């Protein structure tokens, strides 16, 4: 079965600016929920980036946000 990922960019960064963060989470492997999901929440405090990961039935979903309101 082919793998599928969904990336939701909720920052003001372009997509190529958030891809390295998602790549880093994927690179760490499936470490949550008995090694079946990517890390639920990964943060980069110096950059203010947060990546949330969720496993759907047919895909992995990543939501990239920036800390603080209006950023």
C-alpha atoms as a PDB file:
ATOM      1  CA  UNK A   1       0.000   0.000   0.000  1.00  0.00           C
ATOM      2  CA  UNK A   2       1.434   3.419  -0.922  1.00  0.00           C
ATOM      3  CA  UNK A   3       2.238   5.789   1.902  1.00  0.00           C
ATOM      4  CA  UNK A   4       0.613   9.205   1.973  1.00  0.00           C
ATOM      5  CA  UNK A   5       1.296  12.334   4.021  1.00  0.00           C
ATOM      6  CA  UNK A   6      -0.766  15.458   4.464  1.00  0.00           C
ATOM      7  CA  UNK A   7       0.937  18.698   5.507  1.00  0.00           C
ATOM      8  CA  UNK A   8      -1.143  21.589   6.749  1.00  0.00           C
ATOM      9  CA  UNK A   9       0.906  24.777   6.922  1.00  0.00           C
ATOM     10  CA  UNK A  10      -0.616  27.162   9.473  1.00  0.00           C
ATOM     11  CA  UNK A  11       2.349  29.541   9.466  1.00  0.00           C
ATOM     12  CA  UNK A  12       3.226  32.508   7.303  1.00  0.00           C
ATOM     13  CA  UNK A  13       6.228  30.562   5.971  1.00  0.00           C
ATOM     14  CA  UNK A  14       6.211  29.151   2.435  1.00  0.00           C
ATOM     15  CA  UNK A  15       5.776  25.394   2.128  1.00  0.00           C
ATOM     16  CA  UNK A  16       9.476  24.885   1.403  1.00  0.00           C
ATOM     17  CA  UNK A  17      10.144  26.621   4.721  1.00  0.00           C
ATOM     18  CA  UNK A  18       8.109  24.103   6.741  1.00  0.00           C
ATOM     19  CA  UNK A  19       9.142  20.950   4.879  1.00  0.00           C
ATOM     20  CA  UNK A  20      12.478  20.589   6.752  1.00  0.00           C
ATOM     21  CA  UNK A  21      10.589  20.466  10.063  1.00  0.00           C
ATOM     22  CA  UNK A  22       8.251  17.734   8.829  1.00  0.00           C
ATOM     23  CA  UNK A  23      11.244  15.903   7.365  1.00  0.00           C
ATOM     24  CA  UNK A  24      12.956  15.970  10.769  1.00  0.00           C
ATOM     25  CA  UNK A  25       9.881  14.478  12.489  1.00  0.00           C
ATOM     26  CA  UNK A  26       9.643  11.745   9.861  1.00  0.00           C
ATOM     27  CA  UNK A  27      13.381  11.114  10.162  1.00  0.00           C
ATOM     28  CA  UNK A  28      13.016  10.374  13.878  1.00  0.00           C
ATOM     29  CA  UNK A  29      10.709   7.503  12.987  1.00  0.00           C
ATOM     30  CA  UNK A  30       7.478   6.271  14.499  1.00  0.00           C
ATOM     31  CA  UNK A  31       8.143   6.726  18.205  1.00  0.00           C
ATOM     32  CA  UNK A  32       4.666   7.369  19.655  1.00  0.00           C
ATOM     33  CA  UNK A  33       1.736   5.026  20.378  1.00  0.00           C
ATOM     34  CA  UNK A  34       3.789   1.817  20.611  1.00  0.00           C
ATOM     35  CA  UNK A  35       5.964   2.859  17.653  1.00  0.00           C
ATOM     36  CA  UNK A  36       3.031   3.196  15.235  1.00  0.00           C
ATOM     37  CA  UNK A  37       2.895   7.002  14.932  1.00  0.00           C
ATOM     38  CA  UNK A  38       5.300   9.861  14.488  1.00  0.00           C
ATOM     39  CA  UNK A  39       5.947  12.025  17.558  1.00  0.00           C
ATOM     40  CA  UNK A  40       2.653  13.677  18.512  1.00  0.00           C
ATOM     41  CA  UNK A  41       4.205  17.109  19.123  1.00  0.00           C
ATOM     42  CA  UNK A  42       7.686  18.310  18.202  1.00  0.00           C
ATOM     43  CA  UNK A  43       8.812  21.849  18.976  1.00  0.00           C
ATOM     44  CA  UNK A  44      11.682  24.075  17.921  1.00  0.00           C
ATOM     45  CA  UNK A  45      11.628  26.708  20.645  1.00  0.00           C
ATOM     46  CA  UNK A  46      14.309  28.931  19.103  1.00  0.00           C
ATOM     47  CA  UNK A  47      12.347  29.170  15.846  1.00  0.00           C
ATOM     48  CA  UNK A  48       8.910  28.990  17.478  1.00  0.00           C
ATOM     49  CA  UNK A  49       7.807  26.125  15.218  1.00  0.00           C
ATOM     50  CA  UNK A  50       5.510  23.328  16.409  1.00  0.00           C
ATOM     51  CA  UNK A  51       4.719  20.203  14.383  1.00  0.00           C
ATOM     52  CA  UNK A  52       1.723  18.084  15.378  1.00  0.00           C
ATOM     53  CA  UNK A  53       1.492  14.582  13.909  1.00  0.00           C
ATOM     54  CA  UNK A  54      -1.581  12.389  13.635  1.00  0.00           C
ATOM     55  CA  UNK A  55      -2.200   9.060  11.961  1.00  0.00           C
ATOM     56  CA  UNK A  56      -5.334   8.785   9.862  1.00  0.00           C
ATOM     57  CA  UNK A  57      -6.671   5.572   8.399  1.00  0.00           C
ATOM     58  CA  UNK A  58      -4.797   5.971   5.093  1.00  0.00           C
ATOM     59  CA  UNK A  59      -2.221   8.688   5.777  1.00  0.00           C
ATOM     60  CA  UNK A  60      -0.074  10.572   8.241  1.00  0.00           C
ATOM     61  CA  UNK A  61      -1.058  14.185   8.841  1.00  0.00           C
ATOM     62  CA  UNK A  62       1.287  16.937   9.981  1.00  0.00           C
ATOM     63  CA  UNK A  63       0.118  20.361  11.126  1.00  0.00           C
ATOM     64  CA  UNK A  64       2.851  23.006  11.297  1.00  0.00           C
ATOM     65  CA  UNK A  65       2.180  26.074  13.443  1.00  0.00           C
ATOM     66  CA  UNK A  66       4.128  28.953  14.893  1.00  0.00           C
ATOM     67  CA  UNK A  67       4.047  29.841  18.597  1.00  0.00           C
ATOM     68  CA  UNK A  68       2.115  32.896  19.646  1.00  0.00           C
ATOM     69  CA  UNK A  69      -0.826  34.637  18.108  1.00  0.00           C
ATOM     70  CA  UNK A  70      -0.422  36.638  14.928  1.00  0.00           C
ATOM     71  CA  UNK A  71       2.947  35.151  13.983  1.00  0.00           C
END
